[in-house]
Amino acid sequence: MQASRLIKSLKFKKVVPEKFEDFSVSLLTQDTREVITGSIFVAIKGAKVDGHELVQEAIKKGTAMIIAQEELDEVSVPVVYVQNTNKAMAILSSFFYETSSQSLRIVGVTGTNGKTTVTHIIEAIFRNLGEKTGLIGTMYRKIDDEILKTKNTTPDIITLQRTLNKMVEKGVSTVAMEVSSIALIQGRVWGIDFDVAVFTNLTQDHLDYHKTMANYAHAKSLLFSQLGNKYTHSGNPKVAVLNIDDPIGEQFAADTAAEVLTYGIKKEAMIKAENIEIHSKGTDFDLIVFGEKFHLGVKMVGLFNVYNILAAFAAAYACGIDSESVITALEQFPGVRGRLQLITSESKVSAIIDYSHTPDGLLNALETINDFAKGKVFCVVGCGGDRDKLKRPKMAKIAVVHSDYPIFTSDNPRSENPQTIIDEMLVGVPELVEIPTFIDRRAAINFAVAMAKPQDIILIAGKGHEDYQIIGETKHHFDDVEEARKALDLKEQGN
């Protein structure tokens, strides 16, 4: 695409010099590490790095044009000045990557907990129908069978548009995407044409960024307000899928002009679960769809997973998929790595790996385990550094109240002192209760396994699918699943 044509997509701009030698744009990027000859570099003011300070580096690497919002001195290439480079980047990337999202059916999922599970179930439903699918989220980006690494739950807008463009080229038809609150505030999904938006729940998280729950809720609401304000006669209207049991669900219904499809368990909903029976190998329940009843037996455990299944079912239903086809896929779905992932052993001690890193997530995991545990419940848990500090004592208290043997350890301490994080967790522990603490997460897991007896269950919470631990600015390999299996193997050998 020619540069002159691309920058025409920006309505309000100042080009210096006004006339420049046109060129074919090879790449649009905000990352100097990606720059090649013929690139357009977008200078973004980030939390840690200001792209305006990297302009000369980008030019040395071959950038042919700069998009900026601050005055630049002694620049040897054309500069397009705009009011907001984040917004400009969203507009430019949409045009550069041929508005790819309009060629795809995109289901966006937001909420504190459940996004990864819901998107994986949605993807499985459409794959079961024989479609090529895409998935974007916390664990990876997936284009049909190709797995791509990811840095954030929701990538930056250029990476996102580039990924969607590749999905179109590969013949993908349906994409399930996790949409984080921070991404919504930062405009990382501006210009994405969502067909269905799903809300799972809202509980405490990311208050280090949003400061208040009201701000956090507002961030989530943006996905639904961005569904659009028009109605089509194509038979495929935009749909907001909302958990009506969460009070915020009703608020989001008022925030969107799209049609609303509700799901829930406690309140009257269009799609509802009744007669729920949870056991160690899965969950059985009746699914009520606008009054029509179906019985399901799924391989995932826990009440919160019933909500996840309802959310995914409703999303597929909103896309026009018949109930029987969706149910077939749901009953075959094996679960998601690192989400209540069960590891058994010959010693009859079991470990469960779960990503529960919020108070609500930890409570859900422990309540689910307590429903089927025959022995004692151990809970190995830590809290991440450089993140919401207010949840640390809350998670500690939940671990103490809802498990028999809580053990506190490190999660991803990042730049914080791991002992300080543990000390802040201990503030939530009732007096006279002594908690074993280990800065070394491996030592904490080994201790729990050594202490456990047959029929006991060890919840290892907080990291789930992650195969690393961030200490300082260094990412070290660390996998809870691997560590649990090693410890259980050693216990068997010792017996």
Protein backbone atom coordinates (compact mmCIF):
# COMPACT_ATOMS: atom_id res chain seq x y z
CA MET A 1 0.00 0.00 0.00
CA GLN A 2 1.27 3.48 -0.90
CA ALA A 3 1.98 5.81 2.02
CA SER A 4 -0.13 8.62 0.53
CA ARG A 5 -3.14 6.31 0.33
CA LEU A 6 -2.63 4.95 3.85
CA ILE A 7 -2.38 8.31 5.61
CA LYS A 8 -5.54 9.51 3.85
CA SER A 9 -7.35 7.33 6.40
CA LEU A 10 -6.37 9.93 9.04
CA LYS A 11 -8.83 12.78 8.75
CA PHE A 12 -7.15 15.26 11.10
CA LYS A 13 -3.41 15.48 10.54
CA LYS A 14 -0.51 17.73 9.61
CA VAL A 15 2.07 16.35 7.19
CA VAL A 16 5.59 17.82 7.27
CA PRO A 17 6.65 18.39 4.56
CA GLU A 18 3.22 18.65 2.97
CA LYS A 19 4.56 17.17 -0.26
CA PHE A 20 6.81 14.13 -0.06
CA GLU A 21 8.06 11.38 -2.34
CA ASP A 22 5.53 8.60 -2.15
CA PHE A 23 6.63 5.05 -1.29
CA SER A 24 5.26 1.56 -0.81
CA VAL A 25 4.81 0.83 2.89
CA SER A 26 6.60 -2.38 3.87
CA LEU A 27 5.56 -2.44 7.53
CA LEU A 28 3.59 -0.49 10.10
CA THR A 29 5.06 -0.75 13.59
CA GLN A 30 5.49 0.88 16.99
CA ASP A 31 8.50 -1.32 17.82
CA THR A 32 11.95 -0.21 16.66
CA ARG A 33 13.10 -3.85 16.80
CA GLU A 34 10.76 -4.63 13.90
CA VAL A 35 11.71 -1.68 11.69
CA ILE A 36 12.82 -2.46 8.12
CA THR A 37 13.35 -0.30 5.06
CA GLY A 38 10.12 1.36 4.01
CA SER A 39 8.44 1.11 7.44
CA ILE A 40 6.13 3.63 8.99
CA PHE A 41 7.02 4.04 12.67
CA VAL A 42 4.28 5.11 15.09
CA ALA A 43 5.65 6.94 18.15
CA ILE A 44 3.60 5.77 21.14
CA LYS A 45 3.91 7.28 24.62
CA GLY A 46 4.01 4.17 26.81
CA ALA A 47 4.15 3.77 30.58
CA LYS A 48 7.90 3.07 30.49
CA VAL A 49 9.08 4.08 27.02
CA ASP A 50 8.20 7.11 24.87
CA GLY A 51 8.43 6.24 21.19
CA HIS A 52 9.18 9.86 20.34
CA GLU A 53 12.60 9.34 21.93
CA LEU A 54 13.27 6.40 19.59
CA VAL A 55 12.57 8.18 16.31
CA GLN A 56 16.22 8.58 15.30
CA GLU A 57 16.86 4.89 15.97
CA ALA A 58 13.88 3.99 13.77
CA ILE A 59 15.15 6.25 10.97
CA LYS A 60 18.61 4.67 11.09
CA LYS A 61 16.99 1.26 10.60
CA GLY A 62 15.08 2.38 7.49
CA THR A 63 11.85 4.00 8.62
CA ALA A 64 10.46 6.12 5.77
CA MET A 65 7.79 8.02 7.73
CA ILE A 66 6.98 8.87 11.35
CA ILE A 67 3.57 9.25 12.98
CA ALA A 68 3.90 11.52 16.04
CA GLN A 69 1.87 13.58 18.47
CA GLU A 70 4.75 15.68 19.78
CA GLU A 71 6.98 18.09 17.85
CA LEU A 72 10.15 16.43 16.55
CA ASP A 73 13.46 18.17 15.77
CA GLU A 74 15.81 17.49 12.87
CA VAL A 75 13.90 14.60 11.34
CA SER A 76 15.08 13.48 7.90
CA VAL A 77 11.86 11.71 6.86
CA PRO A 78 8.26 12.94 6.53
CA VAL A 79 6.30 13.27 9.79
CA VAL A 80 2.55 12.99 10.14
CA TYR A 81 1.41 14.85 13.28
CA VAL A 82 -1.82 13.73 14.92
CA GLN A 83 -3.60 14.45 18.18
CA ASN A 84 -3.33 10.87 19.49
CA THR A 85 -0.90 8.32 18.08
CA ASN A 86 -2.75 5.42 19.74
CA LYS A 87 -5.92 6.30 17.85
CA ALA A 88 -3.95 6.92 14.65
CA MET A 89 -2.24 3.55 15.02
CA ALA A 90 -5.64 1.83 15.31
CA ILE A 91 -6.97 3.57 12.18
CA LEU A 92 -3.81 3.00 10.14
CA SER A 93 -3.49 -0.67 11.10
CA SER A 94 -7.11 -1.34 10.20
CA PHE A 95 -6.59 0.08 6.70
CA PHE A 96 -3.10 -1.41 6.25
CA TYR A 97 -4.34 -4.89 7.11
CA GLU A 98 -7.42 -4.52 4.93
CA THR A 99 -10.03 -4.26 7.70
CA SER A 100 -9.58 -7.99 8.22
CA SER A 101 -11.91 -8.15 11.22
CA GLN A 102 -14.85 -7.41 8.93
CA SER A 103 -14.14 -10.64 7.05
CA LEU A 104 -14.24 -12.74 10.22
CA ARG A 105 -16.83 -13.72 12.80
CA ILE A 106 -15.22 -12.41 15.99
CA VAL A 107 -16.40 -13.25 19.50
CA GLY A 108 -14.81 -11.07 22.19
CA VAL A 109 -14.85 -12.27 25.80
CA THR A 110 -14.22 -9.99 28.77
CA GLY A 111 -14.52 -10.40 32.54
CA THR A 112 -12.27 -10.98 35.54
CA ASN A 113 -12.30 -14.78 35.47
CA GLY A 114 -13.14 -17.36 32.83
CA LYS A 115 -11.97 -15.59 29.65
CA THR A 116 -9.43 -18.25 28.70
CA THR A 117 -11.76 -21.17 29.35
CA VAL A 118 -14.70 -19.55 27.55
CA THR A 119 -12.65 -18.67 24.45
CA HIS A 120 -11.21 -22.20 24.29
CA ILE A 121 -14.70 -23.72 24.53
CA ILE A 122 -16.01 -21.38 21.80
CA GLU A 123 -13.09 -22.30 19.55
CA ALA A 124 -13.73 -26.01 20.20
CA ILE A 125 -17.42 -25.64 19.27
CA PHE A 126 -16.65 -24.16 15.86
CA ARG A 127 -13.77 -26.57 15.18
CA ASN A 128 -16.20 -29.39 15.92
CA LEU A 129 -18.37 -27.99 13.13
CA GLY A 130 -15.47 -28.36 10.71
CA GLU A 131 -14.50 -24.68 10.60
CA LYS A 132 -11.01 -23.23 10.66
CA THR A 133 -10.75 -21.17 13.80
CA GLY A 134 -8.58 -18.57 15.46
CA LEU A 135 -7.91 -17.91 19.13
CA ILE A 136 -6.28 -14.90 20.79
CA GLY A 137 -5.66 -14.83 24.53
CA THR A 138 -3.55 -15.26 27.62
CA MET A 139 -1.91 -18.53 26.63
CA TYR A 140 -1.15 -17.93 22.93
CA ARG A 141 -2.46 -16.83 19.57
CA LYS A 142 -3.70 -19.70 17.44
CA ILE A 143 -4.33 -19.64 13.68
CA ASP A 144 -6.02 -22.91 12.77
CA ASP A 145 -3.38 -25.37 14.06
CA GLU A 146 -0.49 -22.88 14.21
CA ILE A 147 0.48 -21.64 17.68
CA LEU A 148 2.06 -18.19 18.08
CA LYS A 149 3.48 -16.76 21.28
CA THR A 150 1.85 -13.77 22.93
CA LYS A 151 2.98 -11.14 25.43
CA ASN A 152 -0.39 -9.80 26.59
CA THR A 153 -3.88 -11.24 26.95
CA THR A 154 -4.92 -8.84 24.19
CA PRO A 155 -2.02 -7.84 21.88
CA ASP A 156 -1.28 -4.30 20.72
CA ILE A 157 -3.52 -3.20 17.87
CA ILE A 158 -0.91 -3.64 15.11
CA THR A 159 -0.07 -7.19 16.21
CA LEU A 160 -3.78 -7.89 16.54
CA GLN A 161 -4.66 -6.60 13.05
CA ARG A 162 -1.64 -8.40 11.59
CA THR A 163 -2.80 -11.65 13.24
CA LEU A 164 -6.37 -11.23 11.99
CA ASN A 165 -5.07 -10.54 8.48
CA LYS A 166 -3.07 -13.78 8.58
CA MET A 167 -6.19 -15.60 9.80
CA VAL A 168 -8.11 -14.39 6.76
CA GLU A 169 -5.29 -15.57 4.49
CA LYS A 170 -5.36 -19.01 6.17
CA GLY A 171 -9.12 -19.40 5.68
CA VAL A 172 -10.18 -18.92 9.30
CA SER A 173 -13.85 -18.07 9.69
CA THR A 174 -14.43 -17.69 13.46
CA VAL A 175 -12.16 -16.10 16.06
CA ALA A 176 -12.53 -16.27 19.86
CA MET A 177 -10.65 -13.44 21.55
CA GLU A 178 -9.95 -12.55 25.17
CA VAL A 179 -10.38 -8.82 25.70
CA SER A 180 -8.75 -7.43 28.83
CA SER A 181 -9.86 -4.31 30.67
CA ILE A 182 -6.45 -2.68 30.21
CA ALA A 183 -6.57 -3.36 26.47
CA LEU A 184 -9.99 -1.70 26.30
CA ILE A 185 -8.75 1.42 28.09
CA GLN A 186 -5.61 1.59 25.96
CA GLY A 187 -7.54 1.22 22.71
CA ARG A 188 -5.95 -2.07 21.68
CA VAL A 189 -9.23 -3.23 20.11
CA TRP A 190 -10.22 0.05 18.45
CA GLY A 191 -11.47 -0.75 14.97
CA ILE A 192 -12.08 -4.46 15.63
CA ASP A 193 -15.49 -5.46 14.27
CA PHE A 194 -16.82 -7.76 16.99
CA ASP A 195 -19.95 -9.76 16.16
CA VAL A 196 -20.57 -11.05 19.69
CA ALA A 197 -19.29 -9.69 23.00
CA VAL A 198 -19.40 -11.90 26.12
CA PHE A 199 -19.24 -10.83 29.78
CA THR A 200 -18.25 -13.48 32.34
CA ASN A 201 -18.07 -11.72 35.74
CA LEU A 202 -16.52 -8.81 37.59
CA THR A 203 -14.51 -9.29 40.78
CA GLN A 204 -11.44 -7.57 42.20
CA ASP A 205 -8.37 -7.47 39.97
CA HIS A 206 -6.08 -4.92 38.28
CA LEU A 207 -6.81 -2.19 40.83
CA ASP A 208 -3.14 -1.23 40.62
CA TYR A 209 -4.08 0.05 37.15
CA HIS A 210 -7.75 1.01 37.40
CA LYS A 211 -7.61 2.28 41.03
CA THR A 212 -11.34 1.70 41.71
CA MET A 213 -13.89 -1.01 40.93
CA ALA A 214 -16.03 1.63 39.22
CA ASN A 215 -13.18 2.39 36.81
CA TYR A 216 -12.63 -1.33 36.29
CA ALA A 217 -16.30 -1.88 35.46
CA HIS A 218 -16.26 1.08 33.07
CA ALA A 219 -13.29 -0.43 31.25
CA LYS A 220 -15.15 -3.71 30.74
CA SER A 221 -18.26 -1.87 29.55
CA LEU A 222 -16.35 -0.42 26.60
CA LEU A 223 -16.48 -3.75 24.77
CA PHE A 224 -20.27 -3.60 24.75
CA SER A 225 -20.57 0.09 23.90
CA GLN A 226 -18.13 -0.53 21.01
CA LEU A 227 -20.38 -3.21 19.47
CA GLY A 228 -21.87 -0.45 17.37
CA ASN A 229 -25.02 1.61 17.07
CA LYS A 230 -26.69 0.28 13.95
CA TYR A 231 -28.97 -2.58 12.98
CA THR A 232 -28.67 -4.65 9.82
CA HIS A 233 -31.14 -6.79 7.93
CA SER A 234 -28.59 -9.53 7.24
CA GLY A 235 -29.92 -11.80 9.94
CA ASN A 236 -26.65 -11.49 11.86
CA PRO A 237 -27.17 -8.71 14.39
CA LYS A 238 -24.53 -7.77 16.96
CA VAL A 239 -25.18 -9.55 20.26
CA ALA A 240 -24.09 -8.86 23.85
CA VAL A 241 -23.97 -12.10 25.87
CA LEU A 242 -24.27 -11.19 29.56
CA ASN A 243 -24.04 -13.04 32.87
CA ILE A 244 -27.24 -11.78 34.45
CA ASP A 245 -26.34 -13.22 37.87
CA ASP A 246 -23.59 -10.59 38.12
CA PRO A 247 -25.09 -7.16 38.95
CA ILE A 248 -22.81 -5.55 36.38
CA GLY A 249 -24.48 -7.63 33.67
CA GLU A 250 -27.63 -5.53 33.88
CA GLN A 251 -25.54 -2.36 33.69
CA PHE A 252 -23.80 -3.57 30.54
CA ALA A 253 -27.19 -4.33 28.98
CA ALA A 254 -27.89 -0.60 29.26
CA ASP A 255 -24.46 0.28 27.84
CA THR A 256 -24.99 -1.42 24.50
CA ALA A 257 -27.28 -0.83 21.54
CA ALA A 258 -26.84 -4.47 20.50
CA GLU A 259 -29.34 -7.24 21.14
CA VAL A 260 -28.85 -8.85 24.55
CA LEU A 261 -28.72 -12.57 25.32
CA THR A 262 -28.59 -13.40 29.03
CA TYR A 263 -27.34 -16.49 30.83
CA GLY A 264 -27.23 -17.48 34.49
CA ILE A 265 -28.08 -19.90 37.25
CA LYS A 266 -29.70 -17.89 40.05
CA LYS A 267 -31.83 -15.38 38.15
CA GLU A 268 -34.26 -15.78 35.29
CA ALA A 269 -32.17 -15.91 32.12
CA MET A 270 -32.72 -16.77 28.48
CA ILE A 271 -30.13 -19.55 28.84
CA LYS A 272 -29.97 -21.21 32.25
CA ALA A 273 -28.49 -24.17 34.15
CA GLU A 274 -30.52 -26.20 36.67
CA ASN A 275 -30.12 -29.39 38.72
CA ILE A 276 -26.32 -29.08 38.87
CA GLU A 277 -24.36 -32.07 40.18
CA ILE A 278 -20.57 -31.71 40.60
CA HIS A 279 -18.27 -34.71 41.01
CA SER A 280 -14.54 -35.39 40.72
CA LYS A 281 -14.70 -36.29 37.03
CA GLY A 282 -16.99 -33.54 35.80
CA THR A 283 -20.38 -31.87 36.13
CA ASP A 284 -23.92 -32.83 35.13
CA PHE A 285 -26.73 -30.31 34.71
CA ASP A 286 -29.87 -29.43 32.80
CA LEU A 287 -29.48 -26.68 30.20
CA ILE A 288 -32.60 -24.58 29.64
CA VAL A 289 -32.63 -22.66 26.34
CA PHE A 290 -35.66 -20.38 26.05
CA GLY A 291 -37.67 -23.00 27.94
CA GLU A 292 -36.35 -26.04 26.06
CA LYS A 293 -34.46 -28.52 28.30
CA PHE A 294 -31.29 -30.48 27.46
CA HIS A 295 -29.19 -32.64 29.78
CA LEU A 296 -25.39 -32.25 29.74
CA GLY A 297 -22.54 -34.24 31.19
CA VAL A 298 -19.26 -32.31 30.83
CA LYS A 299 -15.67 -33.13 31.78
CA MET A 300 -15.04 -29.89 33.69
CA VAL A 301 -15.71 -29.52 37.40
CA GLY A 302 -17.09 -26.64 39.41
CA LEU A 303 -19.97 -24.20 39.48
CA PHE A 304 -17.85 -21.50 37.89
CA ASN A 305 -17.22 -23.81 34.94
CA VAL A 306 -20.98 -24.16 34.52
CA TYR A 307 -21.02 -20.39 34.05
CA ASN A 308 -18.17 -20.68 31.54
CA ILE A 309 -20.06 -23.33 29.61
CA LEU A 310 -23.23 -21.23 29.61
CA ALA A 311 -21.27 -18.24 28.30
CA ALA A 312 -19.74 -20.26 25.47
CA PHE A 313 -23.06 -21.92 24.62
CA ALA A 314 -24.77 -18.52 24.49
CA ALA A 315 -22.04 -17.11 22.24
CA ALA A 316 -22.43 -20.00 19.77
CA TYR A 317 -26.22 -19.71 19.97
CA ALA A 318 -25.93 -15.99 19.20
CA CYS A 319 -23.95 -16.94 16.09
CA GLY A 320 -26.84 -19.12 14.91
CA ILE A 321 -25.45 -22.56 15.81
CA ASP A 322 -28.14 -25.10 16.75
CA SER A 323 -28.26 -26.32 20.35
CA GLU A 324 -27.61 -30.00 19.62
CA SER A 325 -24.38 -29.25 17.73
CA VAL A 326 -23.13 -27.03 20.54
CA ILE A 327 -23.96 -29.63 23.20
CA THR A 328 -22.07 -32.35 21.30
CA ALA A 329 -18.95 -30.17 21.33
CA LEU A 330 -19.39 -29.24 25.00
CA GLU A 331 -19.58 -32.86 26.12
CA GLN A 332 -16.39 -33.67 24.22
CA PHE A 333 -14.38 -30.69 25.48
CA PRO A 334 -11.52 -31.92 27.72
CA GLY A 335 -10.80 -28.69 29.61
CA VAL A 336 -7.96 -26.16 29.42
CA ARG A 337 -4.36 -26.64 30.54
CA GLY A 338 -3.74 -25.01 33.91
CA ARG A 339 -7.45 -24.61 34.71
CA LEU A 340 -8.28 -27.08 37.50
CA GLN A 341 -5.85 -29.49 35.83
CA LEU A 342 -5.79 -32.73 37.82
CA ILE A 343 -2.54 -34.66 38.35
CA THR A 344 -2.92 -38.05 40.01
CA SER A 345 -0.29 -40.40 41.43
CA GLU A 346 0.13 -43.97 42.62
CA SER A 347 0.46 -42.61 46.17
CA LYS A 348 -3.21 -41.52 45.88
CA VAL A 349 -2.19 -37.91 46.55
CA SER A 350 -3.53 -35.58 43.86
CA ALA A 351 -2.45 -32.12 42.77
CA ILE A 352 -4.62 -29.60 40.97
CA ILE A 353 -2.98 -26.80 38.98
CA ASP A 354 -5.10 -23.70 38.56
CA TYR A 355 -4.63 -20.15 37.30
CA SER A 356 -6.69 -18.71 40.17
CA HIS A 357 -4.82 -15.45 40.85
CA THR A 358 -7.71 -13.33 42.15
CA PRO A 359 -9.69 -13.65 45.40
CA ASP A 360 -12.80 -14.80 43.53
CA GLY A 361 -10.83 -17.25 41.39
CA LEU A 362 -9.12 -18.79 44.42
CA LEU A 363 -12.41 -19.07 46.29
CA ASN A 364 -14.08 -20.75 43.31
CA ALA A 365 -11.25 -23.28 42.98
CA LEU A 366 -11.20 -24.16 46.68
CA GLU A 367 -14.99 -24.43 46.95
CA THR A 368 -15.03 -26.74 43.94
CA ILE A 369 -12.28 -28.96 45.37
CA ASN A 370 -13.96 -29.08 48.78
CA ASP A 371 -17.11 -30.37 47.10
CA PHE A 372 -15.43 -33.64 46.08
CA ALA A 373 -12.29 -33.93 48.23
CA LYS A 374 -12.22 -37.10 50.36
CA GLY A 375 -9.13 -36.12 52.37
CA LYS A 376 -7.51 -32.86 53.43
CA VAL A 377 -7.09 -29.90 51.08
CA PHE A 378 -3.70 -28.17 50.81
CA CYS A 379 -3.39 -24.76 49.16
CA VAL A 380 -0.05 -23.51 47.80
CA VAL A 381 -0.57 -19.88 46.83
CA GLY A 382 1.32 -16.65 46.24
CA CYS A 383 0.58 -13.20 44.83
CA GLY A 384 2.22 -11.43 41.91
CA GLY A 385 4.59 -8.51 42.37
CA ASP A 386 3.93 -5.07 40.84
CA ARG A 387 0.23 -5.87 40.81
CA ASP A 388 -2.85 -5.11 42.94
CA LYS A 389 -1.63 -5.22 46.56
CA LEU A 390 -5.12 -5.00 48.06
CA LYS A 391 -5.96 -8.55 47.06
CA ARG A 392 -2.99 -10.10 48.91
CA PRO A 393 -4.53 -10.31 52.41
CA LYS A 394 -7.88 -11.28 50.89
CA MET A 395 -6.40 -14.24 49.03
CA ALA A 396 -4.48 -15.27 52.13
CA LYS A 397 -7.64 -15.28 54.22
CA ILE A 398 -9.51 -17.32 51.60
CA ALA A 399 -6.70 -19.90 51.60
CA VAL A 400 -6.81 -20.14 55.41
CA VAL A 401 -10.60 -20.38 55.66
CA HIS A 402 -11.21 -22.76 52.75
CA SER A 403 -8.27 -25.16 52.95
CA ASP A 404 -6.91 -27.39 55.69
CA TYR A 405 -3.23 -26.60 55.06
CA PRO A 406 -2.47 -23.21 53.47
CA ILE A 407 1.13 -22.65 52.35
CA PHE A 408 2.28 -19.21 51.17
CA THR A 409 4.98 -18.77 48.55
CA SER A 410 6.12 -16.68 45.58
CA ASP A 411 4.17 -16.23 42.36
CA ASN A 412 5.86 -13.80 39.94
CA PRO A 413 7.51 -11.36 42.38
CA ARG A 414 8.86 -9.21 39.53
CA SER A 415 10.60 -6.12 40.99
CA GLU A 416 9.21 -6.60 44.52
CA ASN A 417 10.87 -8.40 47.41
CA PRO A 418 9.06 -11.78 47.56
CA GLN A 419 9.21 -11.82 51.36
CA THR A 420 7.44 -8.44 51.45
CA ILE A 421 4.65 -9.87 49.29
CA ILE A 422 4.27 -12.83 51.65
CA ASP A 423 4.26 -10.48 54.66
CA GLU A 424 1.43 -8.48 53.07
CA MET A 425 -0.49 -11.71 52.54
CA LEU A 426 -0.02 -12.63 56.21
CA VAL A 427 -1.91 -9.47 57.21
CA GLY A 428 -5.10 -11.30 56.20
CA VAL A 429 -4.42 -14.33 58.41
CA PRO A 430 -6.36 -14.58 61.70
CA GLU A 431 -4.31 -14.36 64.89
CA LEU A 432 -2.74 -17.54 66.32
CA VAL A 433 -2.77 -19.23 62.89
CA GLU A 434 0.72 -20.21 61.79
CA ILE A 435 1.32 -20.49 58.06
CA PRO A 436 4.33 -22.23 56.48
CA THR A 437 5.99 -19.79 54.07
CA PHE A 438 8.54 -20.45 51.32
CA ILE A 439 10.06 -17.83 49.06
CA ASP A 440 11.14 -20.72 46.82
CA ARG A 441 7.99 -21.92 45.01
CA ARG A 442 9.53 -25.32 44.27
CA ALA A 443 10.22 -25.82 47.99
CA ALA A 444 6.60 -24.92 48.79
CA ILE A 445 5.28 -27.50 46.31
CA ASN A 446 7.69 -30.18 47.57
CA PHE A 447 6.69 -29.45 51.18
CA ALA A 448 2.98 -29.79 50.39
CA VAL A 449 3.49 -33.09 48.56
CA ALA A 450 5.67 -34.47 51.35
CA MET A 451 3.04 -33.57 53.97
CA ALA A 452 0.04 -34.90 52.03
CA LYS A 453 -1.45 -38.33 52.71
CA PRO A 454 -3.54 -40.63 50.50
CA GLN A 455 -6.84 -39.02 49.39
CA ASP A 456 -5.48 -35.52 50.07
CA ILE A 457 -5.61 -32.88 47.31
CA ILE A 458 -3.07 -30.09 46.79
CA LEU A 459 -4.24 -26.97 44.99
CA ILE A 460 -1.27 -25.15 43.43
CA ALA A 461 -2.77 -21.79 42.60
CA GLY A 462 -1.88 -18.66 40.68
CA LYS A 463 0.19 -19.63 37.64
CA GLY A 464 -1.79 -22.33 35.85
CA HIS A 465 -0.54 -22.67 32.26
CA GLU A 466 2.46 -20.37 32.77
CA ASP A 467 5.81 -22.12 32.34
CA TYR A 468 7.91 -19.34 33.81
CA GLN A 469 8.51 -17.26 36.93
CA ILE A 470 9.47 -13.59 36.71
CA ILE A 471 12.04 -12.60 39.33
CA GLY A 472 13.30 -9.04 38.93
CA GLU A 473 13.28 -8.49 35.18
CA THR A 474 14.34 -12.06 34.37
CA LYS A 475 11.94 -14.76 33.21
CA HIS A 476 13.01 -18.19 34.53
CA HIS A 477 11.55 -21.50 33.39
CA PHE A 478 9.14 -22.79 36.02
CA ASP A 479 6.11 -24.99 35.42
CA ASP A 480 3.76 -25.93 38.26
CA VAL A 481 2.64 -29.03 36.36
CA GLU A 482 6.23 -30.24 35.95
CA GLU A 483 7.12 -29.48 39.56
CA ALA A 484 4.03 -31.24 40.93
CA ARG A 485 4.72 -34.36 38.85
CA LYS A 486 8.36 -34.45 39.96
CA ALA A 487 7.41 -34.11 43.60
CA LEU A 488 4.70 -36.78 43.34
CA ASP A 489 7.14 -39.14 41.57
CA LEU A 490 9.68 -38.70 44.37
CA LYS A 491 6.96 -39.40 46.94
CA GLU A 492 6.07 -42.63 45.18
CA GLN A 493 9.73 -43.70 45.07
CA GLY A 494 10.06 -42.93 48.76
CA ASN A 495 7.08 -45.13 49.54
